[in-house]
Amino acid sequence: MPKPTSAEMAEYVQENRALAAFRRAQADLYAHTAEEAAVGITVETPEYLRLNQAVIDAGRQLPEDLQHLNDSI
């Protein structure tokens, strides 16, 4: 297998950073949702809306070949 070019490595790094940011945003949303549910909150709070928007924003930053992950939001 040939060694990746600098441009290919830069693209790989960017893709992984975008995916990590997306997964962190999802994890934050899920954790917060669980905390709210545990105390009986069943409405969309401002914090939930903020975290949900963060997931949407991070999903928009995903590369084209990973956009299918954003479709499940």
PDB file of N, CA and C in Angstrom:
ATOM      1  N   MET A   1       0.844  -1.176   0.000  1.00  0.00           N
ATOM      2  CA  MET A   1       0.000   0.000   0.000  1.00  0.00           C
ATOM      3  C   MET A   1       0.889   1.238   0.000  1.00  0.00           C
ATOM      4  N   PRO A   2       0.653   2.157  -0.919  1.00  0.00           N
ATOM      5  CA  PRO A   2       1.495   3.352  -0.978  1.00  0.00           C
ATOM      6  C   PRO A   2       1.227   4.292   0.199  1.00  0.00           C
ATOM      7  N   LYS A   3       2.248   5.027   0.523  1.00  0.00           N
ATOM      8  CA  LYS A   3       2.136   6.001   1.611  1.00  0.00           C
ATOM      9  C   LYS A   3       1.190   7.132   1.167  1.00  0.00           C
ATOM     10  N   PRO A   4       0.264   7.534   2.035  1.00  0.00           N
ATOM     11  CA  PRO A   4      -0.655   8.627   1.679  1.00  0.00           C
ATOM     12  C   PRO A   4       0.106   9.939   1.462  1.00  0.00           C
ATOM     13  N   THR A   5      -0.437  10.749   0.582  1.00  0.00           N
ATOM     14  CA  THR A   5       0.158  12.064   0.346  1.00  0.00           C
ATOM     15  C   THR A   5      -0.195  12.981   1.513  1.00  0.00           C
ATOM     16  N   SER A   6       0.463  14.112   1.572  1.00  0.00           N
ATOM     17  CA  SER A   6       0.155  15.097   2.620  1.00  0.00           C
ATOM     18  C   SER A   6      -1.288  15.562   2.522  1.00  0.00           C
ATOM     19  N   ALA A   7      -1.767  15.754   1.314  1.00  0.00           N
ATOM     20  CA  ALA A   7      -3.153  16.195   1.114  1.00  0.00           C
ATOM     21  C   ALA A   7      -4.128  15.118   1.585  1.00  0.00           C
ATOM     22  N   GLU A   8      -3.831  13.863   1.282  1.00  0.00           N
ATOM     23  CA  GLU A   8      -4.696  12.769   1.718  1.00  0.00           C
ATOM     24  C   GLU A   8      -4.711  12.663   3.239  1.00  0.00           C
ATOM     25  N   MET A   9      -3.569  12.833   3.858  1.00  0.00           N
ATOM     26  CA  MET A   9      -3.508  12.780   5.322  1.00  0.00           C
ATOM     27  C   MET A   9      -4.267  13.950   5.946  1.00  0.00           C
ATOM     28  N   ALA A  10      -4.137  15.126   5.348  1.00  0.00           N
ATOM     29  CA  ALA A  10      -4.865  16.290   5.862  1.00  0.00           C
ATOM     30  C   ALA A  10      -6.370  16.058   5.771  1.00  0.00           C
ATOM     31  N   GLU A  11      -6.833  15.471   4.683  1.00  0.00           N
ATOM     32  CA  GLU A  11      -8.249  15.169   4.524  1.00  0.00           C
ATOM     33  C   GLU A  11      -8.695  14.134   5.556  1.00  0.00           C
ATOM     34  N   TYR A  12      -7.872  13.127   5.769  1.00  0.00           N
ATOM     35  CA  TYR A  12      -8.165  12.077   6.752  1.00  0.00           C
ATOM     36  C   TYR A  12      -8.281  12.670   8.157  1.00  0.00           C
ATOM     37  N   VAL A  13      -7.364  13.551   8.497  1.00  0.00           N
ATOM     38  CA  VAL A  13      -7.386  14.206   9.810  1.00  0.00           C
ATOM     39  C   VAL A  13      -8.665  15.026   9.964  1.00  0.00           C
ATOM     40  N   GLN A  14      -9.007  15.807   8.946  1.00  0.00           N
ATOM     41  CA  GLN A  14     -10.203  16.648   9.009  1.00  0.00           C
ATOM     42  C   GLN A  14     -11.469  15.806   9.144  1.00  0.00           C
ATOM     43  N   GLU A  15     -11.543  14.716   8.381  1.00  0.00           N
ATOM     44  CA  GLU A  15     -12.705  13.828   8.473  1.00  0.00           C
ATOM     45  C   GLU A  15     -12.847  13.261   9.886  1.00  0.00           C
ATOM     46  N   ASN A  16     -11.753  12.840  10.465  1.00  0.00           N
ATOM     47  CA  ASN A  16     -11.808  12.259  11.807  1.00  0.00           C
ATOM     48  C   ASN A  16     -12.145  13.294  12.859  1.00  0.00           C
ATOM     49  N   ARG A  17     -11.647  14.504  12.701  1.00  0.00           N
ATOM     50  CA  ARG A  17     -12.000  15.575  13.653  1.00  0.00           C
ATOM     51  C   ARG A  17     -13.489  15.904  13.569  1.00  0.00           C
ATOM     52  N   ALA A  18     -14.005  15.965  12.348  1.00  0.00           N
ATOM     53  CA  ALA A  18     -15.431  16.258  12.172  1.00  0.00           C
ATOM     54  C   ALA A  18     -16.288  15.147  12.771  1.00  0.00           C
ATOM     55  N   LEU A  19     -15.888  13.907  12.554  1.00  0.00           N
ATOM     56  CA  LEU A  19     -16.632  12.779  13.105  1.00  0.00           C
ATOM     57  C   LEU A  19     -16.575  12.778  14.631  1.00  0.00           C
ATOM     58  N   ALA A  20     -15.425  13.077  15.189  1.00  0.00           N
ATOM     59  CA  ALA A  20     -15.291  13.132  16.648  1.00  0.00           C
ATOM     60  C   ALA A  20     -16.167  14.237  17.233  1.00  0.00           C
ATOM     61  N   ALA A  21     -16.202  15.386  16.592  1.00  0.00           N
ATOM     62  CA  ALA A  21     -17.039  16.493  17.070  1.00  0.00           C
ATOM     63  C   ALA A  21     -18.516  16.114  17.009  1.00  0.00           C
ATOM     64  N   PHE A  22     -18.911  15.428  15.938  1.00  0.00           N
ATOM     65  CA  PHE A  22     -20.293  14.977  15.791  1.00  0.00           C
ATOM     66  C   PHE A  22     -20.655  13.982  16.887  1.00  0.00           C
ATOM     67  N   ARG A  23     -19.796  13.022  17.116  1.00  0.00           N
ATOM     68  CA  ARG A  23     -20.064  12.005  18.142  1.00  0.00           C
ATOM     69  C   ARG A  23     -20.089  12.615  19.543  1.00  0.00           C
ATOM     70  N   ARG A  24     -19.197  13.598  19.808  1.00  0.00           N
ATOM     71  CA  ARG A  24     -19.218  14.274  21.123  1.00  0.00           C
ATOM     72  C   ARG A  24     -20.530  15.015  21.316  1.00  0.00           C
ATOM     73  N   ALA A  25     -20.975  15.707  20.269  1.00  0.00           N
ATOM     74  CA  ALA A  25     -22.230  16.459  20.358  1.00  0.00           C
ATOM     75  C   ALA A  25     -23.395  15.501  20.615  1.00  0.00           C
ATOM     76  N   GLN A  26     -23.399  14.367  19.920  1.00  0.00           N
ATOM     77  CA  GLN A  26     -24.442  13.372  20.161  1.00  0.00           C
ATOM     78  C   GLN A  26     -24.390  12.859  21.599  1.00  0.00           C
ATOM     79  N   ALA A  27     -23.214  12.531  22.062  1.00  0.00           N
ATOM     80  CA  ALA A  27     -23.066  12.008  23.421  1.00  0.00           C
ATOM     81  C   ALA A  27     -23.542  13.028  24.457  1.00  0.00           C
ATOM     82  N   ASP A  28     -23.198  14.291  24.253  1.00  0.00           N
ATOM     83  CA  ASP A  28     -23.651  15.340  25.174  1.00  0.00           C
ATOM     84  C   ASP A  28     -25.177  15.425  25.198  1.00  0.00           C
ATOM     85  N   LEU A  29     -25.787  15.354  24.016  1.00  0.00           N
ATOM     86  CA  LEU A  29     -27.243  15.422  23.935  1.00  0.00           C
ATOM     87  C   LEU A  29     -27.883  14.224  24.631  1.00  0.00           C
ATOM     88  N   TYR A  30     -27.372  13.031  24.354  1.00  0.00           N
ATOM     89  CA  TYR A  30     -27.952  11.834  24.962  1.00  0.00           C
ATOM     90  C   TYR A  30     -27.782  11.837  26.477  1.00  0.00           C
ATOM     91  N   ALA A  31     -26.622  12.253  26.954  1.00  0.00           N
ATOM     92  CA  ALA A  31     -26.390  12.290  28.398  1.00  0.00           C
ATOM     93  C   ALA A  31     -27.326  13.291  29.063  1.00  0.00           C
ATOM     94  N   HIS A  32     -27.468  14.456  28.462  1.00  0.00           N
ATOM     95  CA  HIS A  32     -28.339  15.475  29.038  1.00  0.00           C
ATOM     96  C   HIS A  32     -29.799  15.014  29.018  1.00  0.00           C
ATOM     97  N   THR A  33     -30.204  14.384  27.924  1.00  0.00           N
ATOM     98  CA  THR A  33     -31.572  13.883  27.831  1.00  0.00           C
ATOM     99  C   THR A  33     -31.848  12.857  28.927  1.00  0.00           C
ATOM    100  N   ALA A  34     -30.882  11.988  29.175  1.00  0.00           N
ATOM    101  CA  ALA A  34     -31.043  10.988  30.234  1.00  0.00           C
ATOM    102  C   ALA A  34     -31.162  11.661  31.596  1.00  0.00           C
ATOM    103  N   GLU A  35     -30.352  12.690  31.838  1.00  0.00           N
ATOM    104  CA  GLU A  35     -30.414  13.407  33.117  1.00  0.00           C
ATOM    105  C   GLU A  35     -31.770  14.077  33.299  1.00  0.00           C
ATOM    106  N   GLU A  36     -32.265  14.710  32.241  1.00  0.00           N
ATOM    107  CA  GLU A  36     -33.573  15.359  32.340  1.00  0.00           C
ATOM    108  C   GLU A  36     -34.677  14.336  32.573  1.00  0.00           C
ATOM    109  N   ALA A  37     -34.623  13.225  31.853  1.00  0.00           N
ATOM    110  CA  ALA A  37     -35.646  12.191  32.018  1.00  0.00           C
ATOM    111  C   ALA A  37     -35.615  11.614  33.436  1.00  0.00           C
ATOM    112  N   ALA A  38     -34.429  11.489  33.985  1.00  0.00           N
ATOM    113  CA  ALA A  38     -34.287  10.920  35.332  1.00  0.00           C
ATOM    114  C   ALA A  38     -34.977  11.769  36.389  1.00  0.00           C
ATOM    115  N   VAL A  39     -35.085  13.064  36.141  1.00  0.00           N
ATOM    116  CA  VAL A  39     -35.755  13.933  37.113  1.00  0.00           C
ATOM    117  C   VAL A  39     -37.168  14.310  36.665  1.00  0.00           C
ATOM    118  N   GLY A  40     -37.642  13.619  35.635  1.00  0.00           N
ATOM    119  CA  GLY A  40     -39.032  13.797  35.229  1.00  0.00           C
ATOM    120  C   GLY A  40     -39.302  14.890  34.220  1.00  0.00           C
ATOM    121  N   ILE A  41     -38.274  15.475  33.641  1.00  0.00           N
ATOM    122  CA  ILE A  41     -38.490  16.512  32.627  1.00  0.00           C
ATOM    123  C   ILE A  41     -38.816  15.825  31.305  1.00  0.00           C
ATOM    124  N   THR A  42     -39.957  16.189  30.750  1.00  0.00           N
ATOM    125  CA  THR A  42     -40.409  15.544  29.514  1.00  0.00           C
ATOM    126  C   THR A  42     -40.655  16.540  28.381  1.00  0.00           C
ATOM    127  N   VAL A  43     -40.243  17.766  28.569  1.00  0.00           N
ATOM    128  CA  VAL A  43     -40.396  18.789  27.523  1.00  0.00           C
ATOM    129  C   VAL A  43     -39.014  19.177  27.007  1.00  0.00           C
ATOM    130  N   GLU A  44     -38.996  19.778  25.836  1.00  0.00           N
ATOM    131  CA  GLU A  44     -37.729  20.229  25.255  1.00  0.00           C
ATOM    132  C   GLU A  44     -37.295  21.523  25.952  1.00  0.00           C
ATOM    133  N   THR A  45     -36.312  21.425  26.794  1.00  0.00           N
ATOM    134  CA  THR A  45     -35.804  22.581  27.532  1.00  0.00           C
ATOM    135  C   THR A  45     -34.863  23.384  26.634  1.00  0.00           C
ATOM    136  N   PRO A  46     -34.549  24.616  27.020  1.00  0.00           N
ATOM    137  CA  PRO A  46     -33.587  25.397  26.244  1.00  0.00           C
ATOM    138  C   PRO A  46     -32.233  24.694  26.099  1.00  0.00           C
ATOM    139  N   GLU A  47     -31.816  24.004  27.146  1.00  0.00           N
ATOM    140  CA  GLU A  47     -30.533  23.288  27.070  1.00  0.00           C
ATOM    141  C   GLU A  47     -30.616  22.126  26.080  1.00  0.00           C
ATOM    142  N   TYR A  48     -31.724  21.407  26.097  1.00  0.00           N
ATOM    143  CA  TYR A  48     -31.914  20.336  25.120  1.00  0.00           C
ATOM    144  C   TYR A  48     -31.867  20.898  23.707  1.00  0.00           C
ATOM    145  N   LEU A  49     -32.566  22.000  23.480  1.00  0.00           N
ATOM    146  CA  LEU A  49     -32.586  22.608  22.148  1.00  0.00           C
ATOM    147  C   LEU A  49     -31.191  23.056  21.718  1.00  0.00           C
ATOM    148  N   ARG A  50     -30.425  23.595  22.657  1.00  0.00           N
ATOM    149  CA  ARG A  50     -29.067  24.023  22.340  1.00  0.00           C
ATOM    150  C   ARG A  50     -28.199  22.829  21.960  1.00  0.00           C
ATOM    151  N   LEU A  51     -28.292  21.769  22.744  1.00  0.00           N
ATOM    152  CA  LEU A  51     -27.493  20.577  22.458  1.00  0.00           C
ATOM    153  C   LEU A  51     -27.933  19.908  21.155  1.00  0.00           C
ATOM    154  N   ASN A  52     -29.235  19.893  20.906  1.00  0.00           N
ATOM    155  CA  ASN A  52     -29.725  19.325  19.657  1.00  0.00           C
ATOM    156  C   ASN A  52     -29.199  20.123  18.462  1.00  0.00           C
ATOM    157  N   GLN A  53     -29.183  21.440  18.590  1.00  0.00           N
ATOM    158  CA  GLN A  53     -28.653  22.277  17.515  1.00  0.00           C
ATOM    159  C   GLN A  53     -27.158  22.023  17.311  1.00  0.00           C
ATOM    160  N   ALA A  54     -26.459  21.756  18.385  1.00  0.00           N
ATOM    161  CA  ALA A  54     -25.030  21.446  18.275  1.00  0.00           C
ATOM    162  C   ALA A  54     -24.816  20.166  17.472  1.00  0.00           C
ATOM    163  N   VAL A  55     -25.691  19.181  17.661  1.00  0.00           N
ATOM    164  CA  VAL A  55     -25.598  17.947  16.877  1.00  0.00           C
ATOM    165  C   VAL A  55     -25.862  18.248  15.403  1.00  0.00           C
ATOM    166  N   ILE A  56     -26.874  19.037  15.133  1.00  0.00           N
ATOM    167  CA  ILE A  56     -27.203  19.403  13.749  1.00  0.00           C
ATOM    168  C   ILE A  56     -26.041  20.133  13.109  1.00  0.00           C
ATOM    169  N   ASP A  57     -25.484  21.097  13.822  1.00  0.00           N
ATOM    170  CA  ASP A  57     -24.360  21.872  13.285  1.00  0.00           C
ATOM    171  C   ASP A  57     -23.139  20.997  13.026  1.00  0.00           C
ATOM    172  N   ALA A  58     -22.841  20.113  13.970  1.00  0.00           N
ATOM    173  CA  ALA A  58     -21.700  19.213  13.789  1.00  0.00           C
ATOM    174  C   ALA A  58     -21.950  18.257  12.629  1.00  0.00           C
ATOM    175  N   GLY A  59     -23.187  17.813  12.465  1.00  0.00           N
ATOM    176  CA  GLY A  59     -23.523  16.933  11.355  1.00  0.00           C
ATOM    177  C   GLY A  59     -23.330  17.590  10.009  1.00  0.00           C
ATOM    178  N   ARG A  60     -23.576  18.871   9.954  1.00  0.00           N
ATOM    179  CA  ARG A  60     -23.372  19.609   8.696  1.00  0.00           C
ATOM    180  C   ARG A  60     -21.898  19.708   8.319  1.00  0.00           C
ATOM    181  N   GLN A  61     -21.033  19.521   9.291  1.00  0.00           N
ATOM    182  CA  GLN A  61     -19.595  19.599   9.033  1.00  0.00           C
ATOM    183  C   GLN A  61     -19.002  18.264   8.591  1.00  0.00           C
ATOM    184  N   LEU A  62     -19.820  17.207   8.626  1.00  0.00           N
ATOM    185  CA  LEU A  62     -19.319  15.898   8.217  1.00  0.00           C
ATOM    186  C   LEU A  62     -19.029  15.895   6.718  1.00  0.00           C
ATOM    187  N   PRO A  63     -18.001  15.164   6.308  1.00  0.00           N
ATOM    188  CA  PRO A  63     -17.727  15.054   4.877  1.00  0.00           C
ATOM    189  C   PRO A  63     -18.867  14.325   4.163  1.00  0.00           C
ATOM    190  N   GLU A  64     -18.912  14.495   2.866  1.00  0.00           N
ATOM    191  CA  GLU A  64     -19.984  13.932   2.042  1.00  0.00           C
ATOM    192  C   GLU A  64     -20.195  12.437   2.284  1.00  0.00           C
ATOM    193  N   ASP A  65     -19.113  11.682   2.365  1.00  0.00           N
ATOM    194  CA  ASP A  65     -19.259  10.233   2.511  1.00  0.00           C
ATOM    195  C   ASP A  65     -19.721   9.807   3.907  1.00  0.00           C
ATOM    196  N   LEU A  66     -19.831  10.753   4.832  1.00  0.00           N
ATOM    197  CA  LEU A  66     -20.341  10.447   6.175  1.00  0.00           C
ATOM    198  C   LEU A  66     -21.684  11.125   6.453  1.00  0.00           C
ATOM    199  N   GLN A  67     -22.239  11.796   5.475  1.00  0.00           N
ATOM    200  CA  GLN A  67     -23.500  12.504   5.678  1.00  0.00           C
ATOM    201  C   GLN A  67     -24.653  11.566   6.048  1.00  0.00           C
ATOM    202  N   HIS A  68     -24.552  10.301   5.700  1.00  0.00           N
ATOM    203  CA  HIS A  68     -25.622   9.363   6.074  1.00  0.00           C
ATOM    204  C   HIS A  68     -25.780   9.278   7.598  1.00  0.00           C
ATOM    205  N   LEU A  69     -24.719   9.580   8.331  1.00  0.00           N
ATOM    206  CA  LEU A  69     -24.828   9.589   9.797  1.00  0.00           C
ATOM    207  C   LEU A  69     -25.731  10.725  10.271  1.00  0.00           C
ATOM    208  N   ASN A  70     -25.747  11.787   9.519  1.00  0.00           N
ATOM    209  CA  ASN A  70     -26.551  12.961   9.849  1.00  0.00           C
ATOM    210  C   ASN A  70     -28.028  12.737   9.531  1.00  0.00           C
ATOM    211  N   ASP A  71     -28.329  11.780   8.684  1.00  0.00           N
ATOM    212  CA  ASP A  71     -29.711  11.532   8.282  1.00  0.00           C
ATOM    213  C   ASP A  71     -30.560  10.967   9.407  1.00  0.00           C
ATOM    214  N   SER A  72     -29.925  10.387  10.408  1.00  0.00           N
ATOM    215  CA  SER A  72     -30.689   9.759  11.493  1.00  0.00           C
ATOM    216  C   SER A  72     -31.078  10.733  12.587  1.00  0.00           C
ATOM    217  N   ILE A  73     -30.720  11.993  12.433  1.00  0.00           N
ATOM    218  CA  ILE A  73     -31.037  12.993  13.467  1.00  0.00           C
ATOM    219  C   ILE A  73     -32.497  13.357  13.406  1.00  0.00           C
TER     220      ILE A  73
END
